Amino acid sequence: MQTRTRAAAYAVPLALAILTGCGMSDDKSDGVPSAGTSTTRDASVAMQKTSSGIYDLIGVKGKASENRPGVTGCAGKDEKRYFRIYHPWSFTPASAGDLDEAMARLKRELPRHGWKIVGYGPNNSKNRSLTLTADNDERKASVKIIKMSKSGPPMLSLDLVSGCYQVPDGEEVDLYPS
């Protein structure tokens, strides 16, 4: 599990680069929408709730990794005042045969819960893994879900990322919110 956690940590910059161009609307700077004003702790809790909502939509038995959201800067902005939340995690179904059902449910259910699917199809990896990318304008969040069925245990890899938050006046970005 620790290897997967490290791999997810290395994948975060890639995921952020991929997701920043997605269609979340509002005040954008470098393609990243403003997510408003928040403390890093409150934004991290909101991202956990967003991830939990997606977990509920999967609708098949299985286990989610226990990764916590992280904090990163907003490109070109003061790192003490602006931040984004990212949350990489994975879902391993109890039965490998449930992986297709989990992905189909997400494709069907995400739009019913405020998500707009902005990309769906095989990615450019060697395995041509099925990938779903969706934006939620209300939550100012994007998710990229990769169906990983050909290597290791079959699983879904999920990378969530927020828009750019500004901390309240008098506060600074906390890189390690509890």
N, C-alpha and C. Protein backbone atom coordinates (compact mmCIF):
# COMPACT_ATOMS: atom_id res chain seq x y z
N MET A 1 0.82 -1.19 0.00
CA MET A 1 0.00 0.00 0.00
C MET A 1 0.86 1.25 0.00
N GLN A 2 1.99 1.20 0.72
CA GLN A 2 2.85 2.36 0.77
C GLN A 2 3.41 2.70 -0.61
N THR A 3 3.70 1.68 -1.42
CA THR A 3 4.17 1.92 -2.78
C THR A 3 3.12 2.65 -3.59
N ARG A 4 1.85 2.24 -3.44
CA ARG A 4 0.78 2.92 -4.16
C ARG A 4 0.65 4.36 -3.70
N THR A 5 0.80 4.60 -2.39
CA THR A 5 0.71 5.96 -1.87
C THR A 5 1.81 6.82 -2.46
N ARG A 6 3.04 6.28 -2.51
CA ARG A 6 4.14 7.03 -3.11
C ARG A 6 3.87 7.28 -4.59
N ALA A 7 3.36 6.27 -5.27
CA ALA A 7 3.05 6.42 -6.70
C ALA A 7 1.99 7.49 -6.89
N ALA A 8 1.00 7.52 -6.01
CA ALA A 8 -0.04 8.55 -6.10
C ALA A 8 0.56 9.92 -5.88
N ALA A 9 1.51 10.03 -4.95
CA ALA A 9 2.13 11.33 -4.68
C ALA A 9 2.90 11.82 -5.91
N TYR A 10 3.54 10.91 -6.63
CA TYR A 10 4.24 11.29 -7.84
C TYR A 10 3.27 11.62 -8.97
N ALA A 11 2.12 11.01 -8.93
CA ALA A 11 1.13 11.22 -9.98
C ALA A 11 0.36 12.53 -9.82
N VAL A 12 0.38 13.10 -8.62
CA VAL A 12 -0.40 14.31 -8.36
C VAL A 12 -0.03 15.46 -9.30
N PRO A 13 1.25 15.79 -9.46
CA PRO A 13 1.55 16.89 -10.39
C PRO A 13 1.01 16.62 -11.79
N LEU A 14 1.10 15.38 -12.24
CA LEU A 14 0.57 15.02 -13.55
C LEU A 14 -0.94 15.21 -13.58
N ALA A 15 -1.60 14.71 -12.56
CA ALA A 15 -3.07 14.85 -12.49
C ALA A 15 -3.47 16.32 -12.45
N LEU A 16 -2.74 17.12 -11.69
CA LEU A 16 -3.07 18.55 -11.62
C LEU A 16 -2.89 19.20 -12.98
N ALA A 17 -1.83 18.83 -13.67
CA ALA A 17 -1.61 19.41 -15.00
C ALA A 17 -2.71 19.01 -15.96
N ILE A 18 -3.15 17.78 -15.87
CA ILE A 18 -4.20 17.29 -16.76
C ILE A 18 -5.53 17.94 -16.45
N LEU A 19 -5.85 18.07 -15.16
CA LEU A 19 -7.17 18.55 -14.77
C LEU A 19 -7.32 20.06 -14.80
N THR A 20 -6.23 20.81 -14.77
CA THR A 20 -6.38 22.26 -14.70
C THR A 20 -7.03 22.86 -15.92
N GLY A 21 -6.99 22.20 -17.02
CA GLY A 21 -7.59 22.75 -18.23
C GLY A 21 -9.05 22.38 -18.39
N CYS A 22 -9.62 21.67 -17.45
CA CYS A 22 -10.99 21.21 -17.58
C CYS A 22 -11.96 22.38 -17.54
N GLY A 23 -13.21 22.08 -17.82
CA GLY A 23 -14.20 23.11 -18.06
C GLY A 23 -14.85 23.75 -16.87
N MET A 24 -14.29 23.67 -15.68
CA MET A 24 -14.91 24.38 -14.57
C MET A 24 -14.95 25.86 -14.93
N SER A 25 -16.07 26.50 -14.68
CA SER A 25 -16.22 27.89 -15.09
C SER A 25 -16.04 28.85 -13.93
N ASP A 26 -16.23 30.09 -14.16
CA ASP A 26 -16.11 31.23 -13.24
C ASP A 26 -14.82 31.96 -13.49
N ASP A 27 -14.37 32.73 -12.48
CA ASP A 27 -13.18 33.54 -12.59
C ASP A 27 -11.97 32.63 -12.74
N LYS A 28 -11.39 32.59 -13.92
CA LYS A 28 -10.29 31.67 -14.18
C LYS A 28 -8.97 32.42 -14.29
N SER A 29 -7.95 31.83 -13.75
CA SER A 29 -6.60 32.30 -13.90
C SER A 29 -5.80 31.10 -14.37
N ASP A 30 -5.22 31.18 -15.54
CA ASP A 30 -4.48 30.04 -16.12
C ASP A 30 -5.37 28.81 -16.25
N GLY A 31 -6.67 28.99 -16.55
CA GLY A 31 -7.56 27.87 -16.74
C GLY A 31 -8.09 27.25 -15.46
N VAL A 32 -7.69 27.76 -14.31
CA VAL A 32 -8.14 27.22 -13.03
C VAL A 32 -9.18 28.18 -12.44
N PRO A 33 -10.38 27.66 -12.11
CA PRO A 33 -11.40 28.55 -11.57
C PRO A 33 -11.11 28.94 -10.12
N SER A 34 -11.65 30.07 -9.73
CA SER A 34 -11.61 30.46 -8.33
C SER A 34 -12.61 29.60 -7.58
N ALA A 35 -12.20 29.07 -6.44
CA ALA A 35 -13.09 28.27 -5.61
C ALA A 35 -13.59 29.07 -4.42
N GLY A 36 -13.22 30.35 -4.35
CA GLY A 36 -13.68 31.21 -3.26
C GLY A 36 -12.66 31.30 -2.15
N THR A 37 -13.15 31.65 -0.97
CA THR A 37 -12.30 31.83 0.20
C THR A 37 -12.56 30.70 1.19
N SER A 38 -11.49 30.13 1.72
CA SER A 38 -11.61 29.03 2.68
C SER A 38 -10.29 28.82 3.40
N THR A 39 -10.38 28.22 4.57
CA THR A 39 -9.17 27.74 5.21
C THR A 39 -8.79 26.42 4.53
N THR A 40 -7.53 26.04 4.65
CA THR A 40 -7.12 24.78 4.04
C THR A 40 -7.84 23.61 4.71
N ARG A 41 -8.07 23.70 6.00
CA ARG A 41 -8.76 22.62 6.72
C ARG A 41 -10.18 22.45 6.18
N ASP A 42 -10.93 23.55 6.08
CA ASP A 42 -12.31 23.46 5.60
C ASP A 42 -12.37 22.97 4.15
N ALA A 43 -11.44 23.43 3.32
CA ALA A 43 -11.41 22.99 1.92
C ALA A 43 -11.05 21.50 1.84
N SER A 44 -10.18 21.04 2.71
CA SER A 44 -9.81 19.63 2.74
C SER A 44 -11.00 18.77 3.16
N VAL A 45 -11.76 19.23 4.15
CA VAL A 45 -12.97 18.51 4.59
C VAL A 45 -13.99 18.46 3.45
N ALA A 46 -14.14 19.57 2.73
CA ALA A 46 -15.08 19.61 1.61
C ALA A 46 -14.65 18.62 0.52
N MET A 47 -13.35 18.51 0.27
CA MET A 47 -12.87 17.56 -0.74
C MET A 47 -13.10 16.13 -0.29
N GLN A 48 -12.92 15.85 1.00
CA GLN A 48 -13.21 14.50 1.51
C GLN A 48 -14.69 14.17 1.30
N LYS A 49 -15.57 15.14 1.51
CA LYS A 49 -17.00 14.92 1.30
C LYS A 49 -17.30 14.68 -0.18
N THR A 50 -16.62 15.41 -1.04
CA THR A 50 -16.79 15.21 -2.48
C THR A 50 -16.35 13.80 -2.87
N SER A 51 -15.20 13.38 -2.38
CA SER A 51 -14.71 12.03 -2.65
C SER A 51 -15.67 10.98 -2.10
N SER A 52 -16.19 11.22 -0.91
CA SER A 52 -17.13 10.29 -0.30
C SER A 52 -18.40 10.17 -1.13
N GLY A 53 -18.86 11.29 -1.68
CA GLY A 53 -20.03 11.26 -2.56
C GLY A 53 -19.79 10.43 -3.80
N ILE A 54 -18.59 10.54 -4.36
CA ILE A 54 -18.25 9.73 -5.54
C ILE A 54 -18.16 8.26 -5.15
N TYR A 55 -17.58 7.98 -3.99
CA TYR A 55 -17.50 6.60 -3.50
C TYR A 55 -18.91 6.00 -3.42
N ASP A 56 -19.85 6.76 -2.89
CA ASP A 56 -21.23 6.27 -2.78
C ASP A 56 -21.84 5.95 -4.14
N LEU A 57 -21.45 6.69 -5.18
CA LEU A 57 -21.99 6.47 -6.52
C LEU A 57 -21.45 5.20 -7.17
N ILE A 58 -20.31 4.71 -6.70
CA ILE A 58 -19.71 3.51 -7.28
C ILE A 58 -20.67 2.33 -7.18
N GLY A 59 -21.33 2.19 -6.05
CA GLY A 59 -22.42 1.25 -5.91
C GLY A 59 -22.10 -0.23 -5.93
N VAL A 60 -20.85 -0.60 -5.84
CA VAL A 60 -20.50 -2.01 -5.73
C VAL A 60 -19.63 -2.19 -4.48
N LYS A 61 -19.61 -3.40 -3.93
CA LYS A 61 -18.80 -3.66 -2.74
C LYS A 61 -17.33 -3.62 -3.11
N GLY A 62 -16.55 -3.09 -2.18
CA GLY A 62 -15.12 -3.02 -2.38
C GLY A 62 -14.48 -2.18 -1.31
N LYS A 63 -13.22 -1.81 -1.52
CA LYS A 63 -12.47 -1.06 -0.53
C LYS A 63 -11.78 0.13 -1.18
N ALA A 64 -11.90 1.27 -0.51
CA ALA A 64 -11.21 2.48 -0.96
C ALA A 64 -9.90 2.62 -0.19
N SER A 65 -8.90 3.17 -0.84
CA SER A 65 -7.65 3.47 -0.13
C SER A 65 -7.94 4.58 0.88
N GLU A 66 -7.04 4.74 1.83
CA GLU A 66 -7.28 5.71 2.89
C GLU A 66 -6.42 6.96 2.73
N ASN A 67 -6.14 7.36 1.52
CA ASN A 67 -5.35 8.57 1.29
C ASN A 67 -6.14 9.79 1.72
N ARG A 68 -5.45 10.75 2.30
CA ARG A 68 -6.08 12.00 2.71
C ARG A 68 -5.80 13.07 1.65
N PRO A 69 -6.66 14.09 1.59
CA PRO A 69 -6.40 15.19 0.66
C PRO A 69 -5.10 15.91 1.01
N GLY A 70 -4.50 16.50 0.00
CA GLY A 70 -3.29 17.29 0.18
C GLY A 70 -3.50 18.71 -0.31
N VAL A 71 -2.54 19.56 -0.02
CA VAL A 71 -2.61 20.97 -0.37
C VAL A 71 -1.46 21.28 -1.31
N THR A 72 -1.73 22.05 -2.35
CA THR A 72 -0.70 22.50 -3.28
C THR A 72 -0.98 23.95 -3.63
N GLY A 73 -0.01 24.61 -4.21
CA GLY A 73 -0.17 26.02 -4.58
C GLY A 73 -0.98 26.19 -5.86
N CYS A 74 -1.31 27.44 -6.12
CA CYS A 74 -1.97 27.83 -7.38
C CYS A 74 -0.90 28.48 -8.24
N ALA A 75 -0.71 27.96 -9.43
CA ALA A 75 0.34 28.46 -10.32
C ALA A 75 0.25 29.97 -10.50
N GLY A 76 1.37 30.63 -10.29
CA GLY A 76 1.45 32.07 -10.53
C GLY A 76 0.85 32.93 -9.43
N LYS A 77 0.46 32.33 -8.30
CA LYS A 77 -0.14 33.10 -7.20
C LYS A 77 0.68 32.94 -5.94
N ASP A 78 0.51 33.87 -5.01
CA ASP A 78 1.21 33.88 -3.72
C ASP A 78 0.90 32.58 -2.97
N GLU A 79 1.92 31.78 -2.72
CA GLU A 79 1.75 30.47 -2.09
C GLU A 79 1.29 30.55 -0.64
N LYS A 80 1.40 31.73 -0.04
CA LYS A 80 0.94 31.88 1.35
C LYS A 80 -0.55 32.23 1.42
N ARG A 81 -1.13 32.63 0.28
CA ARG A 81 -2.52 33.08 0.27
C ARG A 81 -3.45 32.22 -0.59
N TYR A 82 -2.90 31.50 -1.57
CA TYR A 82 -3.72 30.75 -2.52
C TYR A 82 -3.31 29.28 -2.53
N PHE A 83 -4.29 28.41 -2.69
CA PHE A 83 -4.01 26.97 -2.67
C PHE A 83 -5.09 26.19 -3.40
N ARG A 84 -4.75 24.95 -3.70
CA ARG A 84 -5.69 23.98 -4.27
C ARG A 84 -5.63 22.73 -3.41
N ILE A 85 -6.71 21.98 -3.43
CA ILE A 85 -6.77 20.70 -2.72
C ILE A 85 -6.77 19.59 -3.77
N TYR A 86 -5.98 18.56 -3.55
CA TYR A 86 -6.00 17.38 -4.41
C TYR A 86 -6.24 16.15 -3.54
N HIS A 87 -6.90 15.17 -4.11
CA HIS A 87 -7.19 13.95 -3.35
C HIS A 87 -7.10 12.73 -4.27
N PRO A 88 -5.93 12.10 -4.31
CA PRO A 88 -5.81 10.85 -5.08
C PRO A 88 -6.21 9.67 -4.19
N TRP A 89 -7.01 8.78 -4.72
CA TRP A 89 -7.38 7.57 -3.99
C TRP A 89 -7.75 6.49 -5.00
N SER A 90 -7.92 5.28 -4.50
CA SER A 90 -8.28 4.19 -5.39
C SER A 90 -9.42 3.38 -4.78
N PHE A 91 -10.10 2.63 -5.65
CA PHE A 91 -11.17 1.75 -5.23
C PHE A 91 -10.93 0.38 -5.84
N THR A 92 -10.86 -0.64 -5.00
CA THR A 92 -10.69 -2.01 -5.45
C THR A 92 -11.98 -2.76 -5.16
N PRO A 93 -12.68 -3.23 -6.20
CA PRO A 93 -13.94 -3.95 -5.96
C PRO A 93 -13.68 -5.30 -5.31
N ALA A 94 -14.68 -5.76 -4.55
CA ALA A 94 -14.56 -7.07 -3.89
C ALA A 94 -14.40 -8.17 -4.93
N SER A 95 -15.03 -8.00 -6.07
CA SER A 95 -14.93 -8.97 -7.16
C SER A 95 -14.41 -8.25 -8.41
N ALA A 96 -13.41 -8.82 -9.05
CA ALA A 96 -12.85 -8.19 -10.26
C ALA A 96 -13.92 -7.95 -11.31
N GLY A 97 -14.93 -8.80 -11.35
CA GLY A 97 -16.02 -8.66 -12.32
C GLY A 97 -16.87 -7.42 -12.09
N ASP A 98 -16.77 -6.82 -10.91
CA ASP A 98 -17.56 -5.62 -10.60
C ASP A 98 -16.91 -4.32 -11.10
N LEU A 99 -15.71 -4.41 -11.61
CA LEU A 99 -15.01 -3.20 -12.06
C LEU A 99 -15.76 -2.51 -13.20
N ASP A 100 -16.23 -3.28 -14.18
CA ASP A 100 -16.99 -2.70 -15.29
C ASP A 100 -18.26 -2.04 -14.79
N GLU A 101 -18.96 -2.69 -13.87
CA GLU A 101 -20.19 -2.12 -13.32
C GLU A 101 -19.92 -0.82 -12.56
N ALA A 102 -18.82 -0.78 -11.81
CA ALA A 102 -18.46 0.43 -11.06
C ALA A 102 -18.24 1.61 -12.02
N MET A 103 -17.50 1.36 -13.10
CA MET A 103 -17.22 2.43 -14.06
C MET A 103 -18.49 2.85 -14.78
N ALA A 104 -19.34 1.90 -15.15
CA ALA A 104 -20.60 2.21 -15.83
C ALA A 104 -21.51 3.03 -14.92
N ARG A 105 -21.55 2.66 -13.63
CA ARG A 105 -22.38 3.42 -12.68
C ARG A 105 -21.88 4.86 -12.56
N LEU A 106 -20.56 5.04 -12.49
CA LEU A 106 -20.02 6.40 -12.37
C LEU A 106 -20.38 7.22 -13.61
N LYS A 107 -20.25 6.62 -14.78
CA LYS A 107 -20.58 7.35 -16.01
C LYS A 107 -22.05 7.75 -16.02
N ARG A 108 -22.90 6.91 -15.50
CA ARG A 108 -24.35 7.17 -15.47
C ARG A 108 -24.74 8.12 -14.33
N GLU A 109 -24.16 7.93 -13.15
CA GLU A 109 -24.60 8.65 -11.96
C GLU A 109 -23.93 10.02 -11.75
N LEU A 110 -22.71 10.19 -12.17
CA LEU A 110 -22.04 11.49 -11.94
C LEU A 110 -22.86 12.66 -12.52
N PRO A 111 -23.35 12.58 -13.78
CA PRO A 111 -24.13 13.70 -14.30
C PRO A 111 -25.43 13.97 -13.51
N ARG A 112 -25.97 12.95 -12.91
CA ARG A 112 -27.19 13.11 -12.09
C ARG A 112 -26.90 13.81 -10.77
N HIS A 113 -25.62 13.98 -10.44
CA HIS A 113 -25.23 14.60 -9.18
C HIS A 113 -24.36 15.84 -9.40
N GLY A 114 -24.60 16.53 -10.50
CA GLY A 114 -23.95 17.81 -10.73
C GLY A 114 -22.62 17.77 -11.47
N TRP A 115 -22.19 16.61 -11.91
CA TRP A 115 -20.92 16.49 -12.62
C TRP A 115 -21.18 16.51 -14.12
N LYS A 116 -20.31 17.17 -14.85
CA LYS A 116 -20.37 17.18 -16.30
C LYS A 116 -19.20 16.35 -16.82
N ILE A 117 -19.50 15.31 -17.58
CA ILE A 117 -18.43 14.49 -18.14
C ILE A 117 -17.81 15.24 -19.31
N VAL A 118 -16.51 15.52 -19.20
CA VAL A 118 -15.80 16.28 -20.23
C VAL A 118 -14.84 15.42 -21.02
N GLY A 119 -14.70 14.16 -20.62
CA GLY A 119 -13.85 13.23 -21.35
C GLY A 119 -14.18 11.80 -20.97
N TYR A 120 -14.26 10.93 -21.98
CA TYR A 120 -14.54 9.52 -21.70
C TYR A 120 -14.00 8.70 -22.86
N GLY A 121 -13.15 7.74 -22.54
CA GLY A 121 -12.60 6.86 -23.56
C GLY A 121 -11.25 6.33 -23.14
N PRO A 122 -10.62 5.56 -24.01
CA PRO A 122 -9.31 5.00 -23.68
C PRO A 122 -8.25 6.10 -23.62
N ASN A 123 -7.33 5.96 -22.67
CA ASN A 123 -6.24 6.93 -22.59
C ASN A 123 -5.10 6.49 -23.50
N ASN A 124 -3.98 7.20 -23.44
CA ASN A 124 -2.85 6.91 -24.32
C ASN A 124 -1.84 5.96 -23.72
N SER A 125 -2.17 5.35 -22.58
CA SER A 125 -1.23 4.41 -21.96
C SER A 125 -1.10 3.15 -22.80
N LYS A 126 -0.11 2.36 -22.47
CA LYS A 126 0.11 1.08 -23.15
C LYS A 126 -1.14 0.20 -23.06
N ASN A 127 -1.84 0.25 -21.92
CA ASN A 127 -3.03 -0.58 -21.71
C ASN A 127 -4.30 0.04 -22.27
N ARG A 128 -4.22 1.30 -22.75
CA ARG A 128 -5.40 1.99 -23.29
C ARG A 128 -6.56 1.94 -22.28
N SER A 129 -6.24 2.28 -21.03
CA SER A 129 -7.21 2.21 -19.94
C SER A 129 -8.35 3.19 -20.14
N LEU A 130 -9.56 2.72 -19.86
CA LEU A 130 -10.74 3.57 -19.95
C LEU A 130 -10.64 4.68 -18.91
N THR A 131 -10.85 5.92 -19.35
CA THR A 131 -10.70 7.08 -18.47
C THR A 131 -11.92 7.98 -18.57
N LEU A 132 -12.39 8.42 -17.43
CA LEU A 132 -13.53 9.34 -17.34
C LEU A 132 -13.06 10.59 -16.62
N THR A 133 -13.28 11.76 -17.21
CA THR A 133 -12.96 13.03 -16.57
C THR A 133 -14.24 13.84 -16.47
N ALA A 134 -14.48 14.39 -15.27
CA ALA A 134 -15.71 15.14 -15.04
C ALA A 134 -15.43 16.37 -14.17
N ASP A 135 -16.21 17.41 -14.40
CA ASP A 135 -16.12 18.66 -13.65
C ASP A 135 -17.42 18.90 -12.90
N ASN A 136 -17.30 19.52 -11.74
CA ASN A 136 -18.47 19.92 -10.97
C ASN A 136 -18.32 21.41 -10.69
N ASP A 137 -19.06 22.24 -11.44
CA ASP A 137 -18.94 23.69 -11.31
C ASP A 137 -19.36 24.18 -9.92
N GLU A 138 -20.37 23.55 -9.34
CA GLU A 138 -20.84 23.98 -8.01
C GLU A 138 -19.76 23.74 -6.95
N ARG A 139 -19.12 22.60 -7.02
CA ARG A 139 -18.08 22.26 -6.04
C ARG A 139 -16.70 22.79 -6.43
N LYS A 140 -16.59 23.32 -7.64
CA LYS A 140 -15.30 23.79 -8.17
C LYS A 140 -14.26 22.68 -8.06
N ALA A 141 -14.63 21.51 -8.58
CA ALA A 141 -13.75 20.34 -8.50
C ALA A 141 -13.79 19.57 -9.81
N SER A 142 -12.73 18.85 -10.07
CA SER A 142 -12.63 17.94 -11.21
C SER A 142 -12.20 16.58 -10.69
N VAL A 143 -12.61 15.55 -11.41
CA VAL A 143 -12.18 14.20 -11.07
C VAL A 143 -11.75 13.49 -12.36
N LYS A 144 -10.68 12.74 -12.25
CA LYS A 144 -10.23 11.88 -13.34
C LYS A 144 -10.22 10.47 -12.79
N ILE A 145 -10.96 9.57 -13.44
CA ILE A 145 -11.10 8.19 -12.99
C ILE A 145 -10.55 7.28 -14.08
N ILE A 146 -9.62 6.43 -13.70
CA ILE A 146 -9.02 5.49 -14.64
C ILE A 146 -9.36 4.07 -14.21
N LYS A 147 -9.92 3.32 -15.13
CA LYS A 147 -10.23 1.91 -14.89
C LYS A 147 -8.97 1.12 -15.18
N MET A 148 -8.37 0.59 -14.14
CA MET A 148 -7.10 -0.14 -14.26
C MET A 148 -7.38 -1.63 -14.12
N SER A 149 -7.58 -2.29 -15.25
CA SER A 149 -7.99 -3.69 -15.23
C SER A 149 -6.90 -4.65 -15.68
N LYS A 150 -5.79 -4.14 -16.19
CA LYS A 150 -4.81 -5.03 -16.79
C LYS A 150 -3.51 -5.18 -16.00
N SER A 151 -3.35 -4.46 -14.89
CA SER A 151 -2.13 -4.60 -14.10
C SER A 151 -2.48 -4.59 -12.63
N GLY A 152 -1.85 -5.50 -11.88
CA GLY A 152 -2.13 -5.59 -10.45
C GLY A 152 -3.58 -5.95 -10.21
N PRO A 153 -4.06 -5.71 -9.00
CA PRO A 153 -5.48 -6.00 -8.79
C PRO A 153 -6.32 -4.99 -9.57
N PRO A 154 -7.42 -5.44 -10.17
CA PRO A 154 -8.30 -4.51 -10.88
C PRO A 154 -8.80 -3.43 -9.93
N MET A 155 -8.73 -2.18 -10.35
CA MET A 155 -9.15 -1.07 -9.49
C MET A 155 -9.48 0.16 -10.31
N LEU A 156 -10.11 1.11 -9.63
CA LEU A 156 -10.31 2.44 -10.18
C LEU A 156 -9.31 3.36 -9.50
N SER A 157 -8.64 4.18 -10.26
CA SER A 157 -7.75 5.20 -9.73
C SER A 157 -8.48 6.53 -9.89
N LEU A 158 -8.66 7.25 -8.79
CA LEU A 158 -9.39 8.51 -8.81
C LEU A 158 -8.48 9.65 -8.36
N ASP A 159 -8.46 10.72 -9.12
CA ASP A 159 -7.71 11.92 -8.76
C ASP A 159 -8.67 13.09 -8.79
N LEU A 160 -8.90 13.69 -7.63
CA LEU A 160 -9.75 14.87 -7.53
C LEU A 160 -8.86 16.09 -7.31
N VAL A 161 -9.29 17.22 -7.83
CA VAL A 161 -8.56 18.46 -7.63
C VAL A 161 -9.57 19.61 -7.59
N SER A 162 -9.29 20.57 -6.74
CA SER A 162 -10.19 21.73 -6.59
C SER A 162 -9.74 22.89 -7.46
N GLY A 163 -10.58 23.89 -7.49
CA GLY A 163 -10.19 25.16 -8.06
C GLY A 163 -9.23 25.84 -7.09
N CYS A 164 -8.92 27.09 -7.34
CA CYS A 164 -7.96 27.83 -6.53
C CYS A 164 -8.68 28.61 -5.42
N TYR A 165 -8.37 28.28 -4.19
CA TYR A 165 -8.92 28.96 -3.02
C TYR A 165 -7.99 30.09 -2.58
N GLN A 166 -8.58 31.06 -1.90
CA GLN A 166 -7.81 32.10 -1.21
C GLN A 166 -8.12 31.96 0.27
N VAL A 167 -7.08 32.03 1.11
CA VAL A 167 -7.32 31.94 2.55
C VAL A 167 -7.97 33.24 3.04
N PRO A 168 -8.72 33.18 4.14
CA PRO A 168 -9.31 34.40 4.70
C PRO A 168 -8.23 35.40 5.12
N ASP A 169 -8.58 36.66 5.16
CA ASP A 169 -7.64 37.69 5.59
C ASP A 169 -7.04 37.33 6.95
N GLY A 170 -5.75 37.56 7.09
CA GLY A 170 -5.06 37.29 8.34
C GLY A 170 -4.59 35.85 8.49
N GLU A 171 -4.86 34.98 7.52
CA GLU A 171 -4.43 33.59 7.61
C GLU A 171 -3.46 33.28 6.48
N GLU A 172 -2.75 32.16 6.64
CA GLU A 172 -1.84 31.68 5.61
C GLU A 172 -2.21 30.25 5.26
N VAL A 173 -1.75 29.80 4.10
CA VAL A 173 -1.98 28.43 3.67
C VAL A 173 -1.28 27.48 4.65
N ASP A 174 -2.01 26.48 5.11
CA ASP A 174 -1.48 25.43 5.97
C ASP A 174 -1.30 24.19 5.08
N LEU A 175 -0.06 23.81 4.83
CA LEU A 175 0.20 22.67 3.95
C LEU A 175 -0.17 21.33 4.57
N TYR A 176 -0.39 21.30 5.88
CA TYR A 176 -0.71 20.05 6.56
C TYR A 176 -1.92 20.22 7.47
N PRO A 177 -3.10 20.50 6.89
CA PRO A 177 -4.28 20.69 7.75
C PRO A 177 -4.66 19.37 8.44
N SER A 178 -5.12 19.48 9.66
CA SER A 178 -5.49 18.25 10.39
C SER A 178 -6.92 17.88 10.15
